[in-house]
Amino acid sequence: MPETILIDPLSRVSLHLECSFQGMIIGCGTGFVIAQNGANYLITNWHVVTGRNPGTGQPVSNTGAADPDTIRIWYHAANCLGSWLPKTERLLDPITQAPRWREHPRGREIDVVALPLTQHQDVQIHPLNLSLAKTDLVHRGGNPSVVAGQAPVE
């Protein structure tokens, strides 16, 4: 009988992100998904989706490229934890060119955004359970830990 390995649900939450401008990767970061009112949102930093320093508003990429227009999200493939499947989301509305993400009323001062997800077919979504904010986490030395590997780059 195969050995059962328990995986802490929090270890499945973090996602690798790649931001691009016209197909050229200009930055990367991490994020996670929350589920709210039947919709999924990617939560990441304002500086990730804009490619700009939140303090100065200046570009952070040394490539000379413009602000990102897409974000590639590396999800766990459906029914295969540990296998990754990339999905690309537009960062700007195709008609108005307005940002698709929602940000804090104080804008870039609060370096976080929520991007509504539309491209998540054939992937496993592991949303962060927001009720965990009310939970105290206790770290015990000597407990086994698992660190998720980085998503492969095409």
C-alpha atoms as a PDB file:
ATOM      1  CA  MET A   1       0.000   0.000   0.000  1.00  0.00           C
ATOM      2  CA  PRO A   2       1.474   3.401  -0.960  1.00  0.00           C
ATOM      3  CA  GLU A   3       2.454   5.776   1.809  1.00  0.00           C
ATOM      4  CA  THR A   4       0.098   8.731   2.324  1.00  0.00           C
ATOM      5  CA  ILE A   5       1.879  12.060   2.455  1.00  0.00           C
ATOM      6  CA  LEU A   6       0.044  14.954   4.052  1.00  0.00           C
ATOM      7  CA  ILE A   7       0.620  18.347   2.455  1.00  0.00           C
ATOM      8  CA  ASP A   8      -0.115  21.519   4.377  1.00  0.00           C
ATOM      9  CA  PRO A   9      -2.776  23.373   2.367  1.00  0.00           C
ATOM     10  CA  LEU A  10      -0.813  26.628   2.684  1.00  0.00           C
ATOM     11  CA  SER A  11       2.067  25.116   0.712  1.00  0.00           C
ATOM     12  CA  ARG A  12      -0.218  24.919  -2.355  1.00  0.00           C
ATOM     13  CA  VAL A  13      -1.306  28.562  -2.283  1.00  0.00           C
ATOM     14  CA  SER A  14       1.706  30.516  -3.586  1.00  0.00           C
ATOM     15  CA  LEU A  15       1.925  30.991  -7.366  1.00  0.00           C
ATOM     16  CA  HIS A  16       4.800  32.068  -9.604  1.00  0.00           C
ATOM     17  CA  LEU A  17       4.023  35.087 -11.822  1.00  0.00           C
ATOM     18  CA  GLU A  18       5.711  36.504 -14.930  1.00  0.00           C
ATOM     19  CA  CYS A  19       4.808  39.940 -16.259  1.00  0.00           C
ATOM     20  CA  SER A  20       5.371  40.722 -19.932  1.00  0.00           C
ATOM     21  CA  PHE A  21       5.157  43.569 -22.389  1.00  0.00           C
ATOM     22  CA  GLN A  22       4.322  42.454 -25.939  1.00  0.00           C
ATOM     23  CA  GLY A  23       5.501  38.929 -25.111  1.00  0.00           C
ATOM     24  CA  MET A  24       8.832  39.929 -23.512  1.00  0.00           C
ATOM     25  CA  ILE A  25       9.144  38.991 -19.828  1.00  0.00           C
ATOM     26  CA  ILE A  26      10.085  42.111 -17.882  1.00  0.00           C
ATOM     27  CA  GLY A  27       9.520  40.968 -14.317  1.00  0.00           C
ATOM     28  CA  CYS A  28       8.352  38.207 -12.034  1.00  0.00           C
ATOM     29  CA  GLY A  29       6.778  37.843  -8.638  1.00  0.00           C
ATOM     30  CA  THR A  30       4.462  35.750  -6.543  1.00  0.00           C
ATOM     31  CA  GLY A  31       0.800  35.841  -5.683  1.00  0.00           C
ATOM     32  CA  PHE A  32      -2.095  33.779  -4.435  1.00  0.00           C
ATOM     33  CA  VAL A  33      -5.778  33.358  -5.215  1.00  0.00           C
ATOM     34  CA  ILE A  34      -8.765  34.255  -3.070  1.00  0.00           C
ATOM     35  CA  ALA A  35     -12.352  33.273  -3.809  1.00  0.00           C
ATOM     36  CA  GLN A  36     -14.926  35.979  -3.167  1.00  0.00           C
ATOM     37  CA  ASN A  37     -18.634  35.954  -4.109  1.00  0.00           C
ATOM     38  CA  GLY A  38     -18.177  33.136  -6.627  1.00  0.00           C
ATOM     39  CA  ALA A  39     -15.203  34.738  -8.396  1.00  0.00           C
ATOM     40  CA  ASN A  40     -11.456  34.089  -8.163  1.00  0.00           C
ATOM     41  CA  TYR A  41      -8.951  36.919  -7.763  1.00  0.00           C
ATOM     42  CA  LEU A  42      -5.185  36.906  -8.000  1.00  0.00           C
ATOM     43  CA  ILE A  43      -3.697  38.844  -5.091  1.00  0.00           C
ATOM     44  CA  THR A  44      -0.249  40.245  -5.757  1.00  0.00           C
ATOM     45  CA  ASN A  45       1.662  43.492  -5.414  1.00  0.00           C
ATOM     46  CA  TRP A  46       0.948  46.743  -7.247  1.00  0.00           C
ATOM     47  CA  HIS A  47       4.633  46.890  -8.241  1.00  0.00           C
ATOM     48  CA  VAL A  48       4.337  43.451  -9.897  1.00  0.00           C
ATOM     49  CA  VAL A  49       1.438  44.377 -12.219  1.00  0.00           C
ATOM     50  CA  THR A  50       2.711  47.882 -12.998  1.00  0.00           C
ATOM     51  CA  GLY A  51       6.447  47.193 -13.155  1.00  0.00           C
ATOM     52  CA  ARG A  52       6.959  50.366 -11.135  1.00  0.00           C
ATOM     53  CA  ASN A  53       8.418  51.262  -7.763  1.00  0.00           C
ATOM     54  CA  PRO A  54       5.461  52.088  -5.486  1.00  0.00           C
ATOM     55  CA  GLY A  55       7.459  54.780  -3.697  1.00  0.00           C
ATOM     56  CA  THR A  56       8.669  56.682  -6.746  1.00  0.00           C
ATOM     57  CA  GLY A  57       6.450  55.466  -9.599  1.00  0.00           C
ATOM     58  CA  GLN A  58       9.587  54.840 -11.679  1.00  0.00           C
ATOM     59  CA  PRO A  59       9.994  51.649 -13.786  1.00  0.00           C
ATOM     60  CA  VAL A  60      11.823  48.836 -12.001  1.00  0.00           C
ATOM     61  CA  SER A  61      12.810  46.868 -15.127  1.00  0.00           C
ATOM     62  CA  ASN A  62      16.242  47.546 -16.572  1.00  0.00           C
ATOM     63  CA  THR A  63      15.059  46.277 -19.974  1.00  0.00           C
ATOM     64  CA  GLY A  64      13.724  49.663 -21.014  1.00  0.00           C
ATOM     65  CA  ALA A  65      10.375  48.036 -21.764  1.00  0.00           C
ATOM     66  CA  ALA A  66       7.067  49.707 -21.061  1.00  0.00           C
ATOM     67  CA  ASP A  67       4.634  48.703 -18.335  1.00  0.00           C
ATOM     68  CA  PRO A  68       3.481  45.058 -18.432  1.00  0.00           C
ATOM     69  CA  ASP A  69       0.402  44.262 -20.511  1.00  0.00           C
ATOM     70  CA  THR A  70      -0.007  40.587 -19.490  1.00  0.00           C
ATOM     71  CA  ILE A  71       0.711  38.380 -16.517  1.00  0.00           C
ATOM     72  CA  ARG A  72       1.436  34.657 -16.780  1.00  0.00           C
ATOM     73  CA  ILE A  73       0.284  32.701 -13.747  1.00  0.00           C
ATOM     74  CA  TRP A  74       1.785  29.260 -13.108  1.00  0.00           C
ATOM     75  CA  TYR A  75      -0.993  27.129 -11.583  1.00  0.00           C
ATOM     76  CA  HIS A  76      -0.980  23.552 -10.403  1.00  0.00           C
ATOM     77  CA  ALA A  77      -2.220  21.430 -13.306  1.00  0.00           C
ATOM     78  CA  ALA A  78      -5.617  19.825 -12.729  1.00  0.00           C
ATOM     79  CA  ASN A  79      -5.309  16.538 -10.824  1.00  0.00           C
ATOM     80  CA  CYS A  80      -1.505  16.731 -10.734  1.00  0.00           C
ATOM     81  CA  LEU A  81      -0.082  18.624  -7.770  1.00  0.00           C
ATOM     82  CA  GLY A  82       3.529  19.488  -8.583  1.00  0.00           C
ATOM     83  CA  SER A  83       2.952  19.865 -12.319  1.00  0.00           C
ATOM     84  CA  TRP A  84       2.578  23.437 -13.493  1.00  0.00           C
ATOM     85  CA  LEU A  85       0.366  24.934 -16.178  1.00  0.00           C
ATOM     86  CA  PRO A  86       0.714  28.585 -17.231  1.00  0.00           C
ATOM     87  CA  LYS A  87      -2.296  30.772 -17.969  1.00  0.00           C
ATOM     88  CA  THR A  88      -2.049  34.345 -19.230  1.00  0.00           C
ATOM     89  CA  GLU A  89      -4.288  37.190 -18.110  1.00  0.00           C
ATOM     90  CA  ARG A  90      -4.531  40.640 -19.662  1.00  0.00           C
ATOM     91  CA  LEU A  91      -3.622  43.391 -17.234  1.00  0.00           C
ATOM     92  CA  LEU A  92      -5.462  46.067 -19.216  1.00  0.00           C
ATOM     93  CA  ASP A  93      -9.002  46.160 -20.546  1.00  0.00           C
ATOM     94  CA  PRO A  94      -8.713  45.555 -24.305  1.00  0.00           C
ATOM     95  CA  ILE A  95     -11.126  48.399 -25.134  1.00  0.00           C
ATOM     96  CA  THR A  96     -10.428  51.125 -22.573  1.00  0.00           C
ATOM     97  CA  GLN A  97      -6.813  50.152 -21.739  1.00  0.00           C
ATOM     98  CA  ALA A  98      -7.725  50.776 -18.081  1.00  0.00           C
ATOM     99  CA  PRO A  99      -6.165  48.455 -15.497  1.00  0.00           C
ATOM    100  CA  ARG A 100      -8.278  45.341 -14.848  1.00  0.00           C
ATOM    101  CA  TRP A 101      -7.085  45.043 -11.266  1.00  0.00           C
ATOM    102  CA  ARG A 102      -8.623  46.556  -8.175  1.00  0.00           C
ATOM    103  CA  GLU A 103      -6.441  48.401  -5.744  1.00  0.00           C
ATOM    104  CA  HIS A 104      -6.737  49.947  -2.322  1.00  0.00           C
ATOM    105  CA  PRO A 105      -8.327  53.415  -2.208  1.00  0.00           C
ATOM    106  CA  ARG A 106      -4.864  54.754  -1.245  1.00  0.00           C
ATOM    107  CA  GLY A 107      -3.468  53.326  -4.490  1.00  0.00           C
ATOM    108  CA  ARG A 108       0.188  52.340  -4.755  1.00  0.00           C
ATOM    109  CA  GLU A 109       0.771  53.445  -1.160  1.00  0.00           C
ATOM    110  CA  ILE A 110      -0.784  50.070  -0.274  1.00  0.00           C
ATOM    111  CA  ASP A 111       1.283  47.807  -2.552  1.00  0.00           C
ATOM    112  CA  VAL A 112      -1.429  45.204  -3.238  1.00  0.00           C
ATOM    113  CA  VAL A 113      -3.955  44.519  -6.016  1.00  0.00           C
ATOM    114  CA  ALA A 114      -6.718  42.029  -6.796  1.00  0.00           C
ATOM    115  CA  LEU A 115      -6.947  40.889 -10.426  1.00  0.00           C
ATOM    116  CA  PRO A 116     -10.170  39.097 -11.484  1.00  0.00           C
ATOM    117  CA  LEU A 117      -9.215  35.779 -13.072  1.00  0.00           C
ATOM    118  CA  THR A 118     -10.712  34.644 -16.375  1.00  0.00           C
ATOM    119  CA  GLN A 119      -8.185  32.070 -17.663  1.00  0.00           C
ATOM    120  CA  HIS A 120      -8.133  29.192 -15.204  1.00  0.00           C
ATOM    121  CA  GLN A 121      -9.436  26.205 -17.148  1.00  0.00           C
ATOM    122  CA  ASP A 122      -7.665  22.865 -16.603  1.00  0.00           C
ATOM    123  CA  VAL A 123      -5.938  24.063 -13.443  1.00  0.00           C
ATOM    124  CA  GLN A 124      -6.377  23.488  -9.742  1.00  0.00           C
ATOM    125  CA  ILE A 125      -7.241  26.629  -7.808  1.00  0.00           C
ATOM    126  CA  HIS A 126      -6.095  26.554  -4.191  1.00  0.00           C
ATOM    127  CA  PRO A 127      -7.515  29.779  -2.760  1.00  0.00           C
ATOM    128  CA  LEU A 128      -6.161  31.144   0.475  1.00  0.00           C
ATOM    129  CA  ASN A 129      -8.654  30.640   3.271  1.00  0.00           C
ATOM    130  CA  LEU A 130      -9.151  34.185   4.586  1.00  0.00           C
ATOM    131  CA  SER A 131     -10.445  32.893   7.923  1.00  0.00           C
ATOM    132  CA  LEU A 132      -6.833  31.930   8.681  1.00  0.00           C
ATOM    133  CA  ALA A 133      -6.247  35.601   9.558  1.00  0.00           C
ATOM    134  CA  LYS A 134      -7.897  34.782  12.885  1.00  0.00           C
ATOM    135  CA  THR A 135      -5.562  31.830  13.551  1.00  0.00           C
ATOM    136  CA  ASP A 136      -2.319  31.918  15.510  1.00  0.00           C
ATOM    137  CA  LEU A 137       0.380  29.865  13.804  1.00  0.00           C
ATOM    138  CA  VAL A 138       2.790  28.016  16.022  1.00  0.00           C
ATOM    139  CA  HIS A 139       6.194  27.048  14.665  1.00  0.00           C
ATOM    140  CA  ARG A 140       7.804  24.061  16.264  1.00  0.00           C
ATOM    141  CA  GLY A 141      11.476  23.458  15.602  1.00  0.00           C
ATOM    142  CA  GLY A 142      12.242  20.130  13.984  1.00  0.00           C
ATOM    143  CA  ASN A 143       8.968  19.823  12.084  1.00  0.00           C
ATOM    144  CA  PRO A 144       9.378  18.759   8.464  1.00  0.00           C
ATOM    145  CA  SER A 145       8.995  21.536   5.891  1.00  0.00           C
ATOM    146  CA  VAL A 146       8.297  21.484   2.179  1.00  0.00           C
ATOM    147  CA  VAL A 147       9.356  24.269  -0.141  1.00  0.00           C
ATOM    148  CA  ALA A 148       7.583  24.383  -3.491  1.00  0.00           C
ATOM    149  CA  GLY A 149       9.858  24.515  -6.517  1.00  0.00           C
ATOM    150  CA  GLN A 150       9.824  27.310  -9.045  1.00  0.00           C
ATOM    151  CA  ALA A 151       7.653  26.857 -12.072  1.00  0.00           C
ATOM    152  CA  PRO A 152       9.563  25.870 -15.197  1.00  0.00           C
ATOM    153  CA  VAL A 153      10.334  28.593 -17.693  1.00  0.00           C
ATOM    154  CA  GLU A 154       9.518  27.888 -21.329  1.00  0.00           C
END
